[in-house]
C-alpha atoms as a PDB file:
ATOM      1  CA  UNK A   1    -107.765  29.796  44.670  1.00  0.00           C
ATOM      2  CA  UNK A   2    -109.837  31.606  42.571  1.00  0.00           C
ATOM      3  CA  UNK A   3    -112.098  29.862  39.617  1.00  0.00           C
ATOM      4  CA  UNK A   4    -112.038  31.302  35.955  1.00  0.00           C
ATOM      5  CA  UNK A   5    -115.135  32.012  34.473  1.00  0.00           C
ATOM      6  CA  UNK A   6    -115.694  31.520  31.091  1.00  0.00           C
ATOM      7  CA  UNK A   7    -118.704  32.019  28.916  1.00  0.00           C
ATOM      8  CA  UNK A   8    -120.077  29.140  27.086  1.00  0.00           C
ATOM      9  CA  UNK A   9    -117.995  29.813  24.103  1.00  0.00           C
ATOM     10  CA  UNK A  10    -114.869  30.013  26.120  1.00  0.00           C
ATOM     11  CA  UNK A  11    -113.669  33.655  26.594  1.00  0.00           C
ATOM     12  CA  UNK A  12    -113.219  34.491  29.900  1.00  0.00           C
ATOM     13  CA  UNK A  13    -115.803  36.372  31.874  1.00  0.00           C
ATOM     14  CA  UNK A  14    -114.540  37.222  35.585  1.00  0.00           C
ATOM     15  CA  UNK A  15    -112.285  35.611  38.506  1.00  0.00           C
ATOM     16  CA  UNK A  16    -114.743  34.395  41.016  1.00  0.00           C
ATOM     17  CA  UNK A  17    -114.498  32.663  44.405  1.00  0.00           C
ATOM     18  CA  UNK A  18    -114.921  29.000  44.742  1.00  0.00           C
ATOM     19  CA  UNK A  19    -118.281  29.734  46.746  1.00  0.00           C
ATOM     20  CA  UNK A  20    -119.777  31.833  43.730  1.00  0.00           C
ATOM     21  CA  UNK A  21    -118.915  28.882  41.487  1.00  0.00           C
ATOM     22  CA  UNK A  22    -120.782  26.350  44.027  1.00  0.00           C
ATOM     23  CA  UNK A  23    -123.915  29.072  43.490  1.00  0.00           C
ATOM     24  CA  UNK A  24    -123.516  28.083  39.632  1.00  0.00           C
ATOM     25  CA  UNK A  25    -123.009  24.597  39.946  1.00  0.00           C
ATOM     26  CA  UNK A  26    -126.136  24.190  42.276  1.00  0.00           C
ATOM     27  CA  UNK A  27    -128.469  26.054  40.125  1.00  0.00           C
ATOM     28  CA  UNK A  28    -127.520  23.666  37.221  1.00  0.00           C
ATOM     29  CA  UNK A  29    -125.792  27.105  35.709  1.00  0.00           C
ATOM     30  CA  UNK A  30    -122.557  25.233  34.437  1.00  0.00           C
ATOM     31  CA  UNK A  31    -122.458  24.059  30.910  1.00  0.00           C
ATOM     32  CA  UNK A  32    -118.771  22.760  31.207  1.00  0.00           C
ATOM     33  CA  UNK A  33    -115.732  22.535  33.116  1.00  0.00           C
ATOM     34  CA  UNK A  34    -112.067  21.842  32.502  1.00  0.00           C
ATOM     35  CA  UNK A  35    -109.089  20.435  34.868  1.00  0.00           C
ATOM     36  CA  UNK A  36    -109.558  18.415  38.065  1.00  0.00           C
ATOM     37  CA  UNK A  37    -111.653  19.360  40.901  1.00  0.00           C
ATOM     38  CA  UNK A  38    -109.566  21.733  42.855  1.00  0.00           C
ATOM     39  CA  UNK A  39    -112.064  22.300  45.912  1.00  0.00           C
ATOM     40  CA  UNK A  40    -115.105  20.072  47.367  1.00  0.00           C
ATOM     41  CA  UNK A  41    -117.455  22.003  49.190  1.00  0.00           C
ATOM     42  CA  UNK A  42    -119.664  20.111  51.703  1.00  0.00           C
ATOM     43  CA  UNK A  43    -123.100  21.128  52.446  1.00  0.00           C
ATOM     44  CA  UNK A  44    -125.789  19.701  54.659  1.00  0.00           C
ATOM     45  CA  UNK A  45    -127.343  16.463  55.326  1.00  0.00           C
ATOM     46  CA  UNK A  46    -130.238  14.911  52.904  1.00  0.00           C
ATOM     47  CA  UNK A  47    -133.280  13.692  54.973  1.00  0.00           C
ATOM     48  CA  UNK A  48    -134.180  11.024  52.677  1.00  0.00           C
ATOM     49  CA  UNK A  49    -130.343   9.310  51.899  1.00  0.00           C
ATOM     50  CA  UNK A  50    -128.732  10.620  55.316  1.00  0.00           C
ATOM     51  CA  UNK A  51    -125.714  11.423  52.762  1.00  0.00           C
ATOM     52  CA  UNK A  52    -123.582  14.800  52.818  1.00  0.00           C
ATOM     53  CA  UNK A  53    -124.277  16.849  49.739  1.00  0.00           C
ATOM     54  CA  UNK A  54    -121.045  17.502  47.826  1.00  0.00           C
ATOM     55  CA  UNK A  55    -119.818  19.918  45.119  1.00  0.00           C
ATOM     56  CA  UNK A  56    -116.527  19.349  43.359  1.00  0.00           C
ATOM     57  CA  UNK A  57    -115.439  22.805  42.105  1.00  0.00           C
ATOM     58  CA  UNK A  58    -113.323  22.725  39.001  1.00  0.00           C
ATOM     59  CA  UNK A  59    -110.471  25.339  38.350  1.00  0.00           C
ATOM     60  CA  UNK A  60    -112.434  26.526  35.008  1.00  0.00           C
ATOM     61  CA  UNK A  61    -116.286  26.459  34.146  1.00  0.00           C
ATOM     62  CA  UNK A  62    -118.197  27.771  31.484  1.00  0.00           C
ATOM     63  CA  UNK A  63    -121.508  29.750  32.454  1.00  0.00           C
ATOM     64  CA  UNK A  64    -124.786  28.502  30.690  1.00  0.00           C
ATOM     65  CA  UNK A  65    -126.883  30.915  28.740  1.00  0.00           C
ATOM     66  CA  UNK A  66    -125.795  34.675  27.830  1.00  0.00           C
ATOM     67  CA  UNK A  67    -123.267  36.409  30.314  1.00  0.00           C
ATOM     68  CA  UNK A  68    -123.836  39.619  30.265  1.00  0.00           C
ATOM     69  CA  UNK A  69    -119.929  40.916  29.639  1.00  0.00           C
ATOM     70  CA  UNK A  70    -118.744  43.221  27.028  1.00  0.00           C
ATOM     71  CA  UNK A  71    -114.907  42.511  28.635  1.00  0.00           C
ATOM     72  CA  UNK A  72    -113.845  40.702  25.311  1.00  0.00           C
ATOM     73  CA  UNK A  73    -114.318  44.098  23.053  1.00  0.00           C
ATOM     74  CA  UNK A  74    -112.477  46.462  25.267  1.00  0.00           C
ATOM     75  CA  UNK A  75    -109.285  47.638  25.976  1.00  0.00           C
ATOM     76  CA  UNK A  76    -108.461  46.284  29.410  1.00  0.00           C
ATOM     77  CA  UNK A  77    -107.813  48.556  32.461  1.00  0.00           C
ATOM     78  CA  UNK A  78    -103.893  49.932  32.697  1.00  0.00           C
ATOM     79  CA  UNK A  79    -102.554  49.276  36.284  1.00  0.00           C
ATOM     80  CA  UNK A  80     -99.440  49.638  37.144  1.00  0.00           C
ATOM     81  CA  UNK A  81     -99.289  46.426  38.663  1.00  0.00           C
ATOM     82  CA  UNK A  82    -100.481  45.075  35.132  1.00  0.00           C
ATOM     83  CA  UNK A  83     -98.278  47.224  33.025  1.00  0.00           C
ATOM     84  CA  UNK A  84     -95.308  46.213  35.402  1.00  0.00           C
ATOM     85  CA  UNK A  85     -96.215  42.892  34.604  1.00  0.00           C
ATOM     86  CA  UNK A  86     -96.608  43.013  31.015  1.00  0.00           C
ATOM     87  CA  UNK A  87     -93.318  44.444  30.769  1.00  0.00           C
ATOM     88  CA  UNK A  88     -91.558  41.567  33.362  1.00  0.00           C
ATOM     89  CA  UNK A  89     -90.489  44.109  35.137  1.00  0.00           C
ATOM     90  CA  UNK A  90     -87.945  45.208  32.832  1.00  0.00           C
ATOM     91  CA  UNK A  91     -86.844  49.094  32.638  1.00  0.00           C
ATOM     92  CA  UNK A  92     -87.603  49.611  28.878  1.00  0.00           C
ATOM     93  CA  UNK A  93     -84.645  52.265  28.672  1.00  0.00           C
ATOM     94  CA  UNK A  94     -81.815  50.304  30.779  1.00  0.00           C
ATOM     95  CA  UNK A  95     -82.921  46.913  30.616  1.00  0.00           C
ATOM     96  CA  UNK A  96     -82.799  46.012  34.514  1.00  0.00           C
ATOM     97  CA  UNK A  97     -84.899  44.067  35.986  1.00  0.00           C
ATOM     98  CA  UNK A  98     -86.434  45.833  39.395  1.00  0.00           C
ATOM     99  CA  UNK A  99     -88.582  45.563  42.316  1.00  0.00           C
ATOM    100  CA  UNK A 100     -92.026  47.046  42.135  1.00  0.00           C
ATOM    101  CA  UNK A 101     -91.163  49.967  44.207  1.00  0.00           C
ATOM    102  CA  UNK A 102     -88.248  51.000  42.002  1.00  0.00           C
ATOM    103  CA  UNK A 103     -90.596  50.960  38.812  1.00  0.00           C
ATOM    104  CA  UNK A 104     -92.529  54.118  37.734  1.00  0.00           C
ATOM    105  CA  UNK A 105     -95.100  54.088  34.790  1.00  0.00           C
ATOM    106  CA  UNK A 106     -93.036  56.090  32.335  1.00  0.00           C
ATOM    107  CA  UNK A 107     -95.221  57.932  29.346  1.00  0.00           C
ATOM    108  CA  UNK A 108     -93.340  57.444  25.840  1.00  0.00           C
ATOM    109  CA  UNK A 109     -94.706  60.771  25.115  1.00  0.00           C
ATOM    110  CA  UNK A 110     -95.249  62.841  28.058  1.00  0.00           C
ATOM    111  CA  UNK A 111     -98.438  63.511  29.641  1.00  0.00           C
ATOM    112  CA  UNK A 112     -97.439  67.471  29.627  1.00  0.00           C
ATOM    113  CA  UNK A 113     -97.021  67.362  25.705  1.00  0.00           C
ATOM    114  CA  UNK A 114    -100.248  65.466  24.923  1.00  0.00           C
ATOM    115  CA  UNK A 115     -99.423  62.168  25.792  1.00  0.00           C
ATOM    116  CA  UNK A 116    -102.135  60.198  26.769  1.00  0.00           C
ATOM    117  CA  UNK A 117    -102.393  57.282  30.077  1.00  0.00           C
ATOM    118  CA  UNK A 118    -102.625  54.348  27.505  1.00  0.00           C
ATOM    119  CA  UNK A 119    -101.539  50.602  26.964  1.00  0.00           C
ATOM    120  CA  UNK A 120     -99.153  51.752  23.641  1.00  0.00           C
ATOM    121  CA  UNK A 121     -97.783  55.182  25.379  1.00  0.00           C
ATOM    122  CA  UNK A 122     -96.851  53.429  28.784  1.00  0.00           C
ATOM    123  CA  UNK A 123     -93.912  51.588  29.617  1.00  0.00           C
ATOM    124  CA  UNK A 124     -92.130  50.415  33.096  1.00  0.00           C
ATOM    125  CA  UNK A 125     -88.827  52.469  33.842  1.00  0.00           C
ATOM    126  CA  UNK A 126     -86.879  52.800  36.554  1.00  0.00           C
ATOM    127  CA  UNK A 127     -87.150  55.393  38.423  1.00  0.00           C
ATOM    128  CA  UNK A 128     -83.786  56.555  37.454  1.00  0.00           C
ATOM    129  CA  UNK A 129     -84.193  56.152  33.729  1.00  0.00           C
ATOM    130  CA  UNK A 130     -87.401  58.248  34.380  1.00  0.00           C
ATOM    131  CA  UNK A 131     -85.621  60.862  35.881  1.00  0.00           C
ATOM    132  CA  UNK A 132     -83.294  61.082  33.256  1.00  0.00           C
ATOM    133  CA  UNK A 133     -85.731  60.885  30.342  1.00  0.00           C
ATOM    134  CA  UNK A 134     -87.489  64.087  31.968  1.00  0.00           C
ATOM    135  CA  UNK A 135     -90.218  65.624  30.013  1.00  0.00           C
ATOM    136  CA  UNK A 136     -89.092  64.576  26.417  1.00  0.00           C
ATOM    137  CA  UNK A 137     -89.272  62.028  23.908  1.00  0.00           C
ATOM    138  CA  UNK A 138     -86.802  58.877  23.816  1.00  0.00           C
ATOM    139  CA  UNK A 139     -85.565  60.318  20.759  1.00  0.00           C
ATOM    140  CA  UNK A 140     -84.867  63.544  22.198  1.00  0.00           C
ATOM    141  CA  UNK A 141     -83.483  62.219  25.579  1.00  0.00           C
ATOM    142  CA  UNK A 142     -81.547  60.098  23.316  1.00  0.00           C
ATOM    143  CA  UNK A 143     -82.687  56.488  25.124  1.00  0.00           C
ATOM    144  CA  UNK A 144     -84.556  54.237  22.677  1.00  0.00           C
ATOM    145  CA  UNK A 145     -86.812  52.012  23.618  1.00  0.00           C
ATOM    146  CA  UNK A 146     -85.693  48.400  24.124  1.00  0.00           C
ATOM    147  CA  UNK A 147     -89.153  46.907  23.513  1.00  0.00           C
ATOM    148  CA  UNK A 148     -92.365  48.259  22.387  1.00  0.00           C
ATOM    149  CA  UNK A 149     -95.366  48.842  24.276  1.00  0.00           C
ATOM    150  CA  UNK A 150     -98.664  46.752  23.155  1.00  0.00           C
ATOM    151  CA  UNK A 151    -102.498  46.285  24.547  1.00  0.00           C
ATOM    152  CA  UNK A 152    -102.653  42.750  25.847  1.00  0.00           C
ATOM    153  CA  UNK A 153    -105.848  40.945  24.702  1.00  0.00           C
ATOM    154  CA  UNK A 154    -108.157  39.599  27.374  1.00  0.00           C
ATOM    155  CA  UNK A 155    -106.659  36.425  27.761  1.00  0.00           C
ATOM    156  CA  UNK A 156    -103.256  38.183  28.664  1.00  0.00           C
ATOM    157  CA  UNK A 157    -105.498  40.798  30.788  1.00  0.00           C
ATOM    158  CA  UNK A 158    -106.795  37.615  32.851  1.00  0.00           C
ATOM    159  CA  UNK A 159    -102.928  36.222  33.514  1.00  0.00           C
ATOM    160  CA  UNK A 160    -101.900  40.204  34.512  1.00  0.00           C
ATOM    161  CA  UNK A 161    -104.507  40.750  36.935  1.00  0.00           C
ATOM    162  CA  UNK A 162    -102.128  39.052  39.513  1.00  0.00           C
ATOM    163  CA  UNK A 163    -103.571  36.127  40.633  1.00  0.00           C
ATOM    164  CA  UNK A 164    -102.618  32.843  41.984  1.00  0.00           C
ATOM    165  CA  UNK A 165    -103.291  31.088  38.529  1.00  0.00           C
ATOM    166  CA  UNK A 166    -103.378  27.099  39.066  1.00  0.00           C
ATOM    167  CA  UNK A 167    -101.433  24.994  36.144  1.00  0.00           C
ATOM    168  CA  UNK A 168    -104.875  24.048  34.112  1.00  0.00           C
ATOM    169  CA  UNK A 169    -105.780  27.801  34.123  1.00  0.00           C
ATOM    170  CA  UNK A 170    -102.380  28.848  32.723  1.00  0.00           C
ATOM    171  CA  UNK A 171    -102.538  26.443  30.080  1.00  0.00           C
ATOM    172  CA  UNK A 172    -106.026  28.011  29.127  1.00  0.00           C
ATOM    173  CA  UNK A 173    -105.316  31.274  28.985  1.00  0.00           C
ATOM    174  CA  UNK A 174    -101.852  30.971  27.313  1.00  0.00           C
ATOM    175  CA  UNK A 175    -103.632  28.922  24.735  1.00  0.00           C
ATOM    176  CA  UNK A 176    -105.383  32.041  23.579  1.00  0.00           C
ATOM    177  CA  UNK A 177    -101.593  34.768  24.174  1.00  0.00           C
ATOM    178  CA  UNK A 178     -99.984  35.317  20.814  1.00  0.00           C
ATOM    179  CA  UNK A 179     -96.667  33.790  20.679  1.00  0.00           C
ATOM    180  CA  UNK A 180     -95.485  37.031  20.411  1.00  0.00           C
ATOM    181  CA  UNK A 181     -96.741  38.227  23.781  1.00  0.00           C
ATOM    182  CA  UNK A 182     -93.902  38.641  26.654  1.00  0.00           C
ATOM    183  CA  UNK A 183     -95.762  36.482  28.291  1.00  0.00           C
ATOM    184  CA  UNK A 184     -94.681  33.293  26.714  1.00  0.00           C
ATOM    185  CA  UNK A 185     -90.880  34.288  27.777  1.00  0.00           C
END
């Protein structure tokens, strides 16, 4: 289970471990939290009181001060796992749902014809459809797209990274995902 780290304004920054979050708590680096504590980390015994130190880690933490991140301004990195998750493991040509092993990254405009490896030129396709389309555009192959590609926003990208996301974290992230996103389906 990872903790969703935000900047103080609520923009997602990273997935961090509970131990990394504990360092932020211990150094008074947490501005606010969301959700009920999900992990309790116990430390040493205090000499004066004889009590054991403990830190309750919340699933979402906002970090004080300026967090150096330009992630919210950049296009998320494209990977097959995130692409297949964005497209819900559905082939854009035949509409079938497939396992990871049966899927490929398909370039709408083939790279050999100047197409780029970007979110807007890539869709998910089964191996059979990808082979059938070959080095042609969908129009040339007479294989119309069943859905259009799009660039995920930062909140969608945090979901697409394939983590085990807790309910509180998912609700927070989905609140900033456009209603038109396939992640709402």
